[in-house]
Protein backbone atom coordinates (compact mmCIF):
# COMPACT_ATOMS: atom_id res chain seq x y z
CA UNK A 1 311.53 61.47 25.09
CA UNK A 2 314.50 59.61 23.70
CA UNK A 3 314.70 59.39 19.94
CA UNK A 4 317.41 57.59 18.01
CA UNK A 5 317.43 57.32 14.26
CA UNK A 6 317.04 53.93 12.71
CA UNK A 7 316.29 52.56 9.27
CA UNK A 8 314.64 49.19 9.64
CA UNK A 9 312.49 48.13 6.70
CA UNK A 10 314.10 47.20 3.35
CA UNK A 11 312.60 50.10 1.32
CA UNK A 12 313.80 52.61 3.92
CA UNK A 13 317.21 51.03 4.03
CA UNK A 14 317.48 51.15 0.24
CA UNK A 15 316.28 54.76 0.13
CA UNK A 16 318.97 55.71 2.61
CA UNK A 17 321.72 54.21 0.48
CA UNK A 18 323.27 55.95 -2.48
CA UNK A 19 322.22 54.79 -5.92
CA UNK A 20 325.84 54.12 -6.75
CA UNK A 21 327.33 50.97 -5.31
CA UNK A 22 329.66 51.65 -2.39
CA UNK A 23 333.32 51.12 -3.08
CA UNK A 24 334.02 47.49 -2.19
CA UNK A 25 337.45 46.07 -2.67
CA UNK A 26 337.54 42.62 -4.20
CA UNK A 27 337.73 39.94 -1.54
CA UNK A 28 340.35 37.24 -1.84
CA UNK A 29 338.31 34.02 -1.68
CA UNK A 30 339.42 32.24 1.44
CA UNK A 31 339.72 28.90 -0.33
CA UNK A 32 342.43 30.33 -2.60
CA UNK A 33 344.71 31.26 0.29
CA UNK A 34 347.71 29.00 0.92
CA UNK A 35 346.70 28.75 4.60
CA UNK A 36 343.33 27.29 3.57
CA UNK A 37 344.92 24.85 1.17
CA UNK A 38 347.32 23.76 3.89
CA UNK A 39 344.35 23.03 6.14
CA UNK A 40 342.65 21.00 3.40
CA UNK A 41 345.79 18.88 3.01
CA UNK A 42 346.20 18.58 6.78
CA UNK A 43 342.58 17.49 7.24
CA UNK A 44 343.03 14.82 4.59
CA UNK A 45 346.26 13.58 6.18
CA UNK A 46 344.78 13.38 9.68
CA UNK A 47 341.23 12.24 8.93
CA UNK A 48 341.94 8.73 10.20
CA UNK A 49 343.21 9.99 13.56
CA UNK A 50 340.93 9.14 16.45
CA UNK A 51 340.78 11.25 19.60
CA UNK A 52 342.11 8.20 21.45
CA UNK A 53 345.25 8.40 19.29
CA UNK A 54 345.48 12.16 19.58
CA UNK A 55 345.40 12.03 23.38
CA UNK A 56 347.84 9.11 23.44
CA UNK A 57 350.31 11.10 21.32
CA UNK A 58 349.71 14.34 23.21
CA UNK A 59 348.98 13.42 26.85
CA UNK A 60 349.23 17.01 28.22
CA UNK A 61 346.71 18.53 25.81
CA UNK A 62 343.94 18.50 28.44
CA UNK A 63 345.97 21.03 30.42
CA UNK A 64 347.24 23.03 27.48
CA UNK A 65 344.54 23.20 24.79
CA UNK A 66 342.53 25.45 27.04
CA UNK A 67 341.88 29.16 27.51
CA UNK A 68 341.04 30.92 30.75
CA UNK A 69 339.58 34.37 31.34
CA UNK A 70 336.81 36.05 33.30
CA UNK A 71 335.98 32.97 35.43
CA UNK A 72 335.45 30.89 32.28
CA UNK A 73 337.56 27.85 31.43
CA UNK A 74 337.39 26.76 27.79
CA UNK A 75 338.59 23.20 27.18
CA UNK A 76 338.90 22.54 23.45
CA UNK A 77 341.27 19.57 23.87
CA UNK A 78 338.49 17.17 22.81
CA UNK A 79 338.31 18.77 19.39
CA UNK A 80 339.79 16.69 16.60
CA UNK A 81 342.75 19.00 16.25
CA UNK A 82 346.45 18.44 16.74
CA UNK A 83 348.90 21.15 17.72
CA UNK A 84 349.66 21.52 14.01
CA UNK A 85 345.94 21.91 13.22
CA UNK A 86 345.72 24.74 15.73
CA UNK A 87 348.74 26.55 14.30
CA UNK A 88 347.36 26.24 10.78
CA UNK A 89 343.99 27.63 11.91
CA UNK A 90 345.65 30.55 13.69
CA UNK A 91 347.68 31.25 10.56
CA UNK A 92 344.46 31.33 8.52
CA UNK A 93 342.87 33.78 10.96
CA UNK A 94 345.88 36.09 10.71
CA UNK A 95 346.01 35.84 6.92
CA UNK A 96 342.31 36.75 6.71
CA UNK A 97 342.87 39.81 8.90
CA UNK A 98 340.64 38.81 11.80
CA UNK A 99 342.49 41.14 14.17
CA UNK A 100 342.39 44.09 11.77
CA UNK A 101 338.68 43.52 11.07
CA UNK A 102 338.03 43.28 14.81
CA UNK A 103 339.79 46.59 15.34
CA UNK A 104 337.77 48.17 12.53
CA UNK A 105 334.55 47.12 14.24
CA UNK A 106 335.59 48.56 17.59
CA UNK A 107 336.80 51.71 15.82
CA UNK A 108 333.38 52.37 14.29
CA UNK A 109 334.25 51.72 10.65
CA UNK A 110 331.29 50.93 8.41
CA UNK A 111 332.00 47.23 8.17
CA UNK A 112 328.37 46.43 7.29
CA UNK A 113 329.04 47.42 3.70
CA UNK A 114 325.72 46.20 2.26
CA UNK A 115 323.87 48.76 4.41
CA UNK A 116 326.72 51.26 4.80
CA UNK A 117 326.57 51.01 8.57
CA UNK A 118 328.94 50.77 11.46
CA UNK A 119 328.58 47.77 13.78
CA UNK A 120 328.82 49.11 17.30
CA UNK A 121 326.92 46.86 19.66
CA UNK A 122 330.09 47.04 21.76
CA UNK A 123 329.15 50.68 22.47
CA UNK A 124 325.93 49.54 24.17
CA UNK A 125 327.94 48.22 27.11
CA UNK A 126 330.87 50.62 27.09
CA UNK A 127 331.40 52.25 30.53
CA UNK A 128 330.88 55.97 30.96
CA UNK A 129 333.92 57.87 29.81
CA UNK A 130 334.74 55.45 27.02
CA UNK A 131 335.05 57.21 23.68
CA UNK A 132 333.68 55.38 20.62
CA UNK A 133 333.22 57.67 17.68
CA UNK A 134 331.04 57.35 14.63
CA UNK A 135 331.58 60.00 11.99
CA UNK A 136 333.41 62.10 14.56
CA UNK A 137 330.67 61.89 17.21
CA UNK A 138 331.11 59.99 20.47
CA UNK A 139 328.11 57.65 20.72
CA UNK A 140 328.67 56.52 24.32
CA UNK A 141 327.08 59.53 26.10
CA UNK A 142 323.79 59.02 24.20
CA UNK A 143 323.83 55.31 25.08
CA UNK A 144 324.05 56.21 28.77
CA UNK A 145 321.31 58.83 28.46
CA UNK A 146 318.99 56.11 27.21
CA UNK A 147 320.10 53.71 29.97
CA UNK A 148 319.47 56.36 32.62
CA UNK A 149 315.98 57.06 31.28
CA UNK A 150 315.28 53.32 31.23
CA UNK A 151 316.42 53.09 34.86
CA UNK A 152 314.02 55.85 35.95
CA UNK A 153 311.12 54.14 34.20
CA UNK A 154 312.09 50.68 35.49
CA UNK A 155 312.39 51.87 39.06
CA UNK A 156 308.96 53.48 38.94
CA UNK A 157 307.41 50.19 37.77
CA UNK A 158 309.40 48.12 40.27
CA UNK A 159 308.60 50.33 43.27
CA UNK A 160 304.89 50.57 42.51
CA UNK A 161 305.16 54.33 42.05
CA UNK A 162 303.87 53.88 38.52
CA UNK A 163 300.14 53.24 38.66
CA UNK A 164 297.94 51.90 35.92
CA UNK A 165 294.78 53.58 34.66
CA UNK A 166 292.73 52.36 37.64
CA UNK A 167 295.37 53.28 40.23
CA UNK A 168 296.73 49.75 40.71
CA UNK A 169 300.38 48.82 40.41
CA UNK A 170 301.79 46.86 37.49
CA UNK A 171 302.34 43.17 38.18
CA UNK A 172 303.06 41.80 34.69
CA UNK A 173 305.20 43.23 31.90
CA UNK A 174 304.51 41.79 28.44
CA UNK A 175 307.16 42.43 25.79
CA UNK A 176 305.83 42.33 22.24
CA UNK A 177 308.51 41.94 19.59
CA UNK A 178 309.98 39.38 17.24
CA UNK A 179 313.45 38.12 16.33
CA UNK A 180 316.08 40.16 18.10
CA UNK A 181 313.37 42.13 19.88
CA UNK A 182 312.17 38.94 21.54
CA UNK A 183 314.78 36.18 21.64
CA UNK A 184 317.39 38.08 23.65
CA UNK A 185 315.09 39.55 26.32
CA UNK A 186 313.13 36.29 26.64
CA UNK A 187 316.37 34.32 27.07
CA UNK A 188 317.67 36.82 29.64
CA UNK A 189 314.42 36.67 31.61
CA UNK A 190 314.69 32.91 31.91
CA UNK A 191 318.41 33.09 32.71
CA UNK A 192 318.13 35.77 35.39
CA UNK A 193 314.92 34.82 37.18
CA UNK A 194 316.83 34.44 40.45
CA UNK A 195 317.56 38.16 40.38
CA UNK A 196 314.06 39.29 39.35
CA UNK A 197 311.71 41.01 41.73
CA UNK A 198 308.89 38.69 42.85
CA UNK A 199 306.33 41.48 42.47
CA UNK A 200 306.66 41.53 38.65
CA UNK A 201 306.49 38.76 36.08
CA UNK A 202 307.67 39.14 32.49
CA UNK A 203 306.09 37.46 29.49
CA UNK A 204 307.03 37.55 25.82
CA UNK A 205 304.76 37.57 22.78
CA UNK A 206 306.40 37.18 19.38
CA UNK A 207 304.42 34.84 17.15
CA UNK A 208 301.67 36.40 15.04
CA UNK A 209 299.73 33.19 15.76
CA UNK A 210 296.89 34.40 17.97
CA UNK A 211 297.46 31.41 20.23
CA UNK A 212 300.69 33.01 21.43
CA UNK A 213 298.92 36.19 22.51
CA UNK A 214 296.13 34.20 24.16
CA UNK A 215 298.50 31.95 26.09
CA UNK A 216 300.49 34.91 27.41
CA UNK A 217 297.53 37.08 28.43
CA UNK A 218 294.47 34.92 29.14
CA UNK A 219 295.05 34.91 32.90
CA UNK A 220 296.17 38.54 33.23
CA UNK A 221 294.31 41.56 34.55
CA UNK A 222 294.55 44.52 32.14
CA UNK A 223 294.61 46.90 35.12
CA UNK A 224 297.91 45.35 36.26
CA UNK A 225 299.57 44.76 32.88
CA UNK A 226 302.17 46.87 31.07
CA UNK A 227 302.99 46.18 27.40
CA UNK A 228 306.34 47.09 25.86
CA UNK A 229 306.10 47.31 22.07
CA UNK A 230 309.54 46.66 20.61
CA UNK A 231 309.70 47.73 16.98
CA UNK A 232 312.17 50.27 15.68
CA UNK A 233 309.90 51.52 12.90
CA UNK A 234 306.57 50.57 14.49
CA UNK A 235 305.73 48.83 11.22
CA UNK A 236 306.94 45.24 11.74
CA UNK A 237 303.92 43.19 10.65
CA UNK A 238 303.92 40.53 13.37
CA UNK A 239 304.78 42.93 16.18
CA UNK A 240 302.25 45.59 15.24
CA UNK A 241 299.49 43.02 14.71
CA UNK A 242 300.10 41.78 18.26
CA UNK A 243 300.42 45.37 19.50
CA UNK A 244 297.03 46.35 18.11
CA UNK A 245 295.52 43.21 19.65
CA UNK A 246 297.11 44.16 22.98
CA UNK A 247 295.71 47.67 22.69
CA UNK A 248 292.20 46.39 22.04
CA UNK A 249 292.51 43.82 24.86
CA UNK A 250 293.63 46.51 27.31
CA UNK A 251 290.94 49.01 26.36
CA UNK A 252 288.25 46.34 26.59
CA UNK A 253 289.34 45.56 30.14
CA UNK A 254 289.78 49.21 31.14
CA UNK A 255 286.44 50.63 30.09
CA UNK A 256 287.42 51.81 26.63
CA UNK A 257 289.10 55.02 27.77
CA UNK A 258 291.80 55.85 25.18
CA UNK A 259 293.81 57.65 27.87
CA UNK A 260 294.49 54.25 29.46
CA UNK A 261 296.97 53.39 26.66
CA UNK A 262 299.53 55.85 28.01
CA UNK A 263 299.44 54.14 31.40
CA UNK A 264 299.80 50.61 30.10
CA UNK A 265 302.11 50.87 27.09
CA UNK A 266 305.72 51.84 26.48
CA UNK A 267 307.69 51.70 23.25
CA UNK A 268 311.16 50.68 22.21
CA UNK A 269 311.23 52.45 18.88
CA UNK A 270 312.43 55.44 16.92
CA UNK A 271 309.18 56.19 15.06
CA UNK A 272 307.89 59.07 17.17
CA UNK A 273 304.89 59.81 14.97
CA UNK A 274 303.65 56.22 14.95
CA UNK A 275 304.23 55.84 18.68
CA UNK A 276 302.17 58.97 19.43
CA UNK A 277 299.45 57.85 17.03
CA UNK A 278 299.24 54.56 18.94
CA UNK A 279 298.61 56.51 22.14
CA UNK A 280 301.94 56.00 23.90
CA UNK A 281 303.41 58.92 25.79
CA UNK A 282 306.62 59.97 23.94
CA UNK A 283 308.29 60.23 27.36
CA UNK A 284 307.99 56.43 27.52
CA UNK A 285 309.62 55.80 24.16
CA UNK A 286 313.17 54.50 24.32
CA UNK A 287 315.28 54.51 21.19
CA UNK A 288 318.33 52.83 19.79
CA UNK A 289 320.45 53.21 16.73
CA UNK A 290 321.00 52.07 13.18
CA UNK A 291 324.40 50.71 14.15
CA UNK A 292 322.71 48.10 16.36
CA UNK A 293 321.53 44.95 14.62
CA UNK A 294 318.42 43.37 16.11
CA UNK A 295 320.15 40.16 17.14
CA UNK A 296 322.85 42.22 18.90
CA UNK A 297 320.43 44.47 20.76
CA UNK A 298 319.41 42.70 23.99
CA UNK A 299 321.73 45.00 25.96
CA UNK A 300 320.09 48.12 24.50
CA UNK A 301 316.61 49.48 25.27
CA UNK A 302 315.33 46.19 23.81
CA UNK A 303 316.23 44.83 27.25
CA UNK A 304 313.82 47.21 29.02
CA UNK A 305 311.70 44.31 30.28
CA UNK A 306 314.85 42.74 31.74
CA UNK A 307 315.81 45.96 33.50
CA UNK A 308 312.32 46.14 35.02
CA UNK A 309 312.59 42.53 36.14
CA UNK A 310 316.08 42.51 37.66
CA UNK A 311 316.61 46.20 38.32
CA UNK A 312 319.09 48.70 36.89
CA UNK A 313 321.97 47.47 39.07
CA UNK A 314 321.76 43.85 37.91
CA UNK A 315 321.17 45.01 34.33
CA UNK A 316 324.30 47.11 34.66
CA UNK A 317 326.19 44.04 35.87
CA UNK A 318 325.09 42.20 32.74
CA UNK A 319 326.38 45.09 30.61
CA UNK A 320 329.66 44.95 32.51
CA UNK A 321 329.92 41.27 31.64
CA UNK A 322 329.44 42.04 27.96
CA UNK A 323 332.18 44.66 28.21
CA UNK A 324 334.50 42.23 30.02
CA UNK A 325 334.34 39.85 27.07
CA UNK A 326 334.59 42.72 24.56
CA UNK A 327 337.89 43.71 26.14
CA UNK A 328 339.13 40.12 26.21
CA UNK A 329 338.30 39.70 22.51
CA UNK A 330 339.84 43.07 21.66
CA UNK A 331 343.12 42.57 23.52
CA UNK A 332 343.91 38.86 23.95
CA UNK A 333 346.26 37.27 21.40
CA UNK A 334 344.46 34.86 19.11
CA UNK A 335 346.00 31.76 20.65
CA UNK A 336 344.53 32.75 24.04
CA UNK A 337 341.38 34.43 22.75
CA UNK A 338 338.27 32.43 23.67
CA UNK A 339 335.88 33.78 21.01
CA UNK A 340 338.53 33.41 18.31
CA UNK A 341 339.42 29.88 19.39
CA UNK A 342 335.77 28.82 19.47
CA UNK A 343 335.27 30.31 16.02
CA UNK A 344 338.27 28.43 14.69
CA UNK A 345 337.10 25.13 16.18
CA UNK A 346 333.65 25.64 14.66
CA UNK A 347 335.19 26.50 11.31
CA UNK A 348 337.47 23.43 11.41
CA UNK A 349 334.53 21.13 12.10
CA UNK A 350 332.28 22.76 9.54
CA UNK A 351 334.69 23.31 6.66
CA UNK A 352 337.28 20.60 6.99
CA UNK A 353 335.53 17.74 8.83
CA UNK A 354 332.19 18.14 7.06
CA UNK A 355 330.09 18.62 10.20
CA UNK A 356 326.97 20.62 9.34
CA UNK A 357 325.53 21.25 12.78
CA UNK A 358 326.47 22.50 16.24
CA UNK A 359 324.65 21.35 19.37
CA UNK A 360 324.79 23.88 22.21
CA UNK A 361 324.09 22.01 25.44
CA UNK A 362 323.94 24.09 28.63
CA UNK A 363 323.88 22.07 31.82
CA UNK A 364 321.85 24.72 33.60
CA UNK A 365 318.08 24.90 33.45
CA UNK A 366 318.15 28.70 33.63
CA UNK A 367 319.79 28.67 30.18
CA UNK A 368 316.78 26.85 28.74
CA UNK A 369 316.48 29.33 25.86
CA UNK A 370 320.16 29.96 25.27
CA UNK A 371 320.40 27.60 22.29
CA UNK A 372 317.36 29.21 20.65
CA UNK A 373 318.95 32.62 21.12
CA UNK A 374 322.18 31.42 19.52
CA UNK A 375 320.28 30.05 16.53
CA UNK A 376 319.45 33.58 15.43
CA UNK A 377 322.81 35.01 16.45
CA UNK A 378 324.78 32.55 14.33
CA UNK A 379 322.44 31.50 11.55
CA UNK A 380 321.10 34.97 10.73
CA UNK A 381 324.60 36.44 10.96
CA UNK A 382 326.54 33.88 8.96
CA UNK A 383 323.90 32.18 6.86
CA UNK A 384 325.18 33.95 3.74
CA UNK A 385 326.08 32.77 0.24
CA UNK A 386 328.03 35.78 -1.02
CA UNK A 387 331.20 37.51 0.05
CA UNK A 388 331.35 41.19 0.96
CA UNK A 389 332.07 41.98 -2.70
CA UNK A 390 328.98 40.11 -3.92
CA UNK A 391 330.83 37.08 -5.28
CA UNK A 392 329.34 33.72 -4.41
CA UNK A 393 331.18 31.67 -1.79
CA UNK A 394 332.41 28.18 -2.65
CA UNK A 395 332.51 26.89 0.93
CA UNK A 396 330.05 26.17 3.69
CA UNK A 397 329.17 29.07 5.97
CA UNK A 398 326.90 28.91 9.03
CA UNK A 399 326.43 25.73 11.02
CA UNK A 400 322.91 24.65 11.91
CA UNK A 401 322.66 25.51 15.61
CA UNK A 402 320.36 23.61 17.94
CA UNK A 403 320.19 22.07 21.39
CA UNK A 404 318.55 22.08 24.79
CA UNK A 405 319.68 21.81 28.40
CA UNK A 406 321.24 18.67 29.84
CA UNK A 407 320.32 16.31 31.31
CA UNK A 408 317.01 16.36 29.42
CA UNK A 409 318.76 16.10 26.06
CA UNK A 410 320.56 12.96 27.17
CA UNK A 411 317.20 11.15 27.12
CA UNK A 412 316.17 12.64 23.79
CA UNK A 413 318.77 13.13 21.04
CA UNK A 414 322.11 12.09 22.59
CA UNK A 415 321.53 8.57 21.24
CA UNK A 416 322.01 9.95 17.73
CA UNK A 417 325.03 12.01 18.77
CA UNK A 418 326.73 8.95 20.24
CA UNK A 419 325.80 6.26 17.72
CA UNK A 420 324.29 8.01 14.71
CA UNK A 421 325.88 8.30 11.30
CA UNK A 422 326.23 12.09 11.48
CA UNK A 423 328.99 13.72 13.50
CA UNK A 424 327.56 16.50 15.66
CA UNK A 425 330.10 18.79 17.35
CA UNK A 426 328.93 19.98 20.75
CA UNK A 427 329.43 23.01 22.96
CA UNK A 428 328.84 21.94 26.56
CA UNK A 429 328.27 24.76 29.08
CA UNK A 430 328.52 24.02 32.79
CA UNK A 431 328.93 25.86 36.09
CA UNK A 432 331.03 24.95 39.09
CA UNK A 433 328.56 26.46 41.54
CA UNK A 434 324.78 26.13 41.64
CA UNK A 435 322.39 28.96 42.41
CA UNK A 436 320.51 26.65 44.80
CA UNK A 437 322.14 24.23 47.24
CA UNK A 438 320.00 21.10 47.20
CA UNK A 439 322.63 18.56 48.14
CA UNK A 440 323.98 16.23 45.49
CA UNK A 441 322.33 17.83 42.46
CA UNK A 442 325.23 19.97 41.25
CA UNK A 443 327.77 17.17 41.53
CA UNK A 444 325.41 14.82 39.68
CA UNK A 445 324.82 17.40 36.96
CA UNK A 446 328.54 18.09 36.56
CA UNK A 447 329.37 14.37 36.48
CA UNK A 448 326.91 14.01 33.63
CA UNK A 449 328.36 16.78 31.49
CA UNK A 450 331.93 15.57 32.02
CA UNK A 451 330.90 11.99 31.27
CA UNK A 452 329.10 12.96 28.07
CA UNK A 453 332.10 14.86 26.73
CA UNK A 454 334.37 11.94 27.63
CA UNK A 455 332.07 9.33 26.06
CA UNK A 456 331.67 11.34 22.86
CA UNK A 457 335.43 11.72 22.52
CA UNK A 458 336.63 8.23 23.34
CA UNK A 459 333.61 5.94 23.06
CA UNK A 460 333.93 2.23 23.79
CA UNK A 461 335.23 -0.44 21.45
CA UNK A 462 333.72 -3.84 20.72
CA UNK A 463 336.62 -5.58 22.46
CA UNK A 464 336.16 -3.46 25.58
CA UNK A 465 332.45 -4.26 25.64
CA UNK A 466 333.04 -8.02 25.27
CA UNK A 467 335.68 -7.82 28.02
CA UNK A 468 332.92 -6.47 30.26
CA UNK A 469 331.02 -9.73 29.75
CA UNK A 470 328.59 -8.63 27.04
CA UNK A 471 327.75 -11.46 24.58
CA UNK A 472 329.47 -11.12 21.22
CA UNK A 473 326.14 -10.94 19.36
CA UNK A 474 325.04 -7.96 21.45
CA UNK A 475 328.37 -6.13 21.52
CA UNK A 476 327.99 -4.33 18.12
CA UNK A 477 324.81 -2.69 19.37
CA UNK A 478 326.68 -1.21 22.31
CA UNK A 479 329.75 0.04 20.47
CA UNK A 480 330.36 3.78 20.86
CA UNK A 481 332.77 4.83 18.13
CA UNK A 482 333.67 8.10 19.85
CA UNK A 483 335.76 10.67 17.97
CA UNK A 484 332.91 13.16 18.38
CA UNK A 485 334.40 16.65 18.94
CA UNK A 486 333.30 19.04 21.67
CA UNK A 487 334.16 22.19 23.58
CA UNK A 488 333.46 22.41 27.27
CA UNK A 489 332.90 25.83 28.79
CA UNK A 490 333.15 25.59 32.56
CA UNK A 491 332.21 28.84 34.28
CA UNK A 492 332.32 29.56 37.96
CA UNK A 493 328.69 30.57 38.51
CA UNK A 494 325.76 31.97 36.58
CA UNK A 495 325.12 35.65 37.30
CA UNK A 496 324.01 38.71 35.33
CA UNK A 497 327.67 39.48 34.67
CA UNK A 498 328.40 35.92 33.58
CA UNK A 499 325.41 35.90 31.23
CA UNK A 500 326.75 39.03 29.56
CA UNK A 501 330.16 37.38 29.16
CA UNK A 502 328.68 34.24 27.62
CA UNK A 503 326.51 36.12 25.12
CA UNK A 504 329.41 38.36 24.06
CA UNK A 505 331.64 35.28 23.75
CA UNK A 506 329.31 33.85 21.12
CA UNK A 507 328.84 37.24 19.43
CA UNK A 508 332.57 37.52 18.85
CA UNK A 509 332.89 33.85 17.89
CA UNK A 510 330.38 34.54 15.10
CA UNK A 511 332.37 37.62 14.08
CA UNK A 512 335.58 35.59 13.85
CA UNK A 513 334.05 33.08 11.45
CA UNK A 514 332.45 35.77 9.29
CA UNK A 515 335.77 37.63 9.10
CA UNK A 516 337.55 34.52 7.84
CA UNK A 517 334.86 33.73 5.26
CA UNK A 518 334.82 37.35 4.04
CA UNK A 519 331.04 37.63 4.43
CA UNK A 520 328.84 40.30 5.98
CA UNK A 521 327.71 38.99 9.37
CA UNK A 522 325.56 42.07 10.01
CA UNK A 523 322.86 42.23 7.35
CA UNK A 524 319.86 39.91 6.97
CA UNK A 525 318.31 40.38 3.55
CA UNK A 526 317.27 36.73 3.52
CA UNK A 527 314.40 37.38 5.92
CA UNK A 528 312.78 39.97 3.65
CA UNK A 529 311.45 38.11 0.59
CA UNK A 530 308.97 36.08 2.63
CA UNK A 531 307.70 39.28 4.25
CA UNK A 532 307.14 40.92 0.86
CA UNK A 533 305.27 37.88 -0.47
CA UNK A 534 303.17 37.68 2.71
CA UNK A 535 301.99 41.26 2.17
CA UNK A 536 300.81 40.20 -1.28
CA UNK A 537 299.05 37.08 -0.02
CA UNK A 538 297.27 38.66 2.98
CA UNK A 539 294.49 40.37 0.95
CA UNK A 540 294.16 37.34 -1.31
CA UNK A 541 293.04 35.24 1.65
CA UNK A 542 289.96 37.37 2.25
CA UNK A 543 289.19 39.20 -1.02
CA UNK A 544 285.96 38.35 -2.79
CA UNK A 545 287.55 37.18 -6.04
CA UNK A 546 291.34 37.27 -5.76
CA UNK A 547 293.39 37.11 -8.95
CA UNK A 548 295.90 34.47 -7.94
CA UNK A 549 299.18 34.67 -9.84
CA UNK A 550 301.46 32.52 -7.71
CA UNK A 551 302.86 29.12 -8.56
CA UNK A 552 300.42 26.22 -8.83
CA UNK A 553 301.12 24.94 -5.32
CA UNK A 554 300.65 28.31 -3.60
CA UNK A 555 297.48 29.04 -5.58
CA UNK A 556 296.01 25.66 -4.60
CA UNK A 557 296.86 26.18 -0.94
CA UNK A 558 295.22 29.61 -0.93
CA UNK A 559 292.08 28.12 -2.46
CA UNK A 560 292.03 25.29 0.12
CA UNK A 561 292.46 27.75 3.01
CA UNK A 562 289.66 29.97 1.65
CA UNK A 563 287.33 27.01 1.23
CA UNK A 564 287.83 25.90 4.82
CA UNK A 565 287.22 29.49 5.95
CA UNK A 566 284.00 29.61 3.93
CA UNK A 567 285.24 32.24 1.50
């Protein structure tokens, strides 16, 4: 049995905090710093510069506005920055103490001041022998104890040694969670399918919509299905509703014997009492810690389904990739630091060029869910309106993150990116080597991603189009203005280790931006109000005569729902 303390729900979190406000030094608003003001003036002075002009004036930038590490090549030369822009951004990062704040995170300081917690997801992938202390206690040995217990459990499932209630081996693992307990593992399953054992399939249920549970289980045999319930407190409404449905579904298919639960359910949780009450063997409960935020937890026991799928060795390679990027972020100077540079480019586009969104466009079908994963990572982390000291910010914070794999997106929304009235910065992700050699495919895919970045940057003028023989009346419809900024991440090859590097790259990019804005990237109070109101509405949907005291719209909608349900 592996138990780790965690405080998950808002009332528990509040109860764990002192009644007195923690000592929080006043934060210097970033927009009052001279470095920020210099960037505002610089953006105004250079706003008419087109990327065509920037490249003409700086012809070597394609070789120099790059960063290389860990078999990843970051080309940010197609961002609308000059050498002066970059120096001003680096000066801002230094003035805001990005490096000192980074060191505080790695050191185990309680940088999540709103919840009085350390932020130590970097400890989840620290090699044995690394010392990372929290309140004088090295947390790394406990992390590895959990990983070793996960490996034993995973190997039993993978080998067929673990038998279900009827004596048959497990063929499908269904992870039930939501948010960070779903998005990371589901993304990793899609990304690492090549390394998964063919004897076991993984599926992911997150939505409380019963259609999600039905779609993921309707063709499964309960005798060959293992459920992993991922909920730290075993109280998350959506997860536990689906968990109870899974329990009933399993028992119905296994003759109703309550003892069957222990053979077909495991838990990623810290709530020992609730786990035992559910019927799960405490030996199959895997914990994690209150210094791990949900959206930073895919490399913890939350990734149990991934370890079962790909095996402990490949899972360990993914952890090594995370650690590779941790060390790069921790040690590389800012001007060569990939996460810091990506954060600065994102901040420049968002704050100074007025670009609200970021399209993440992986040219690899295995990264189909990568953009969805990054939505939570960035928008839940940096979608904040107050500084660490509680004062309201006066600047934009998180970008709106979206996207899907190329080349599919090219035939969907790229039209708007090329010719629309909104400027959409893009992160392109590509690989030099394919996982499957099918002839010309990889060259064709790579040609597309390079062409899209080039077209977005430089476009095509009306004169160039007419010179190609297009009639003058049609030429305006074909003009591509260009000047659309992008990063291009070219990695050598997708692998478990590379996936870990890419995820950690974006984790630390998000940290960099939050450090500059002076916000708390590690709490998420904004998700709680809706949950509280839902708990109030749930009984009102079925009660005989509910006393509705919501706003007029909500009251009317409740009445309409009840009427259609015959209540």
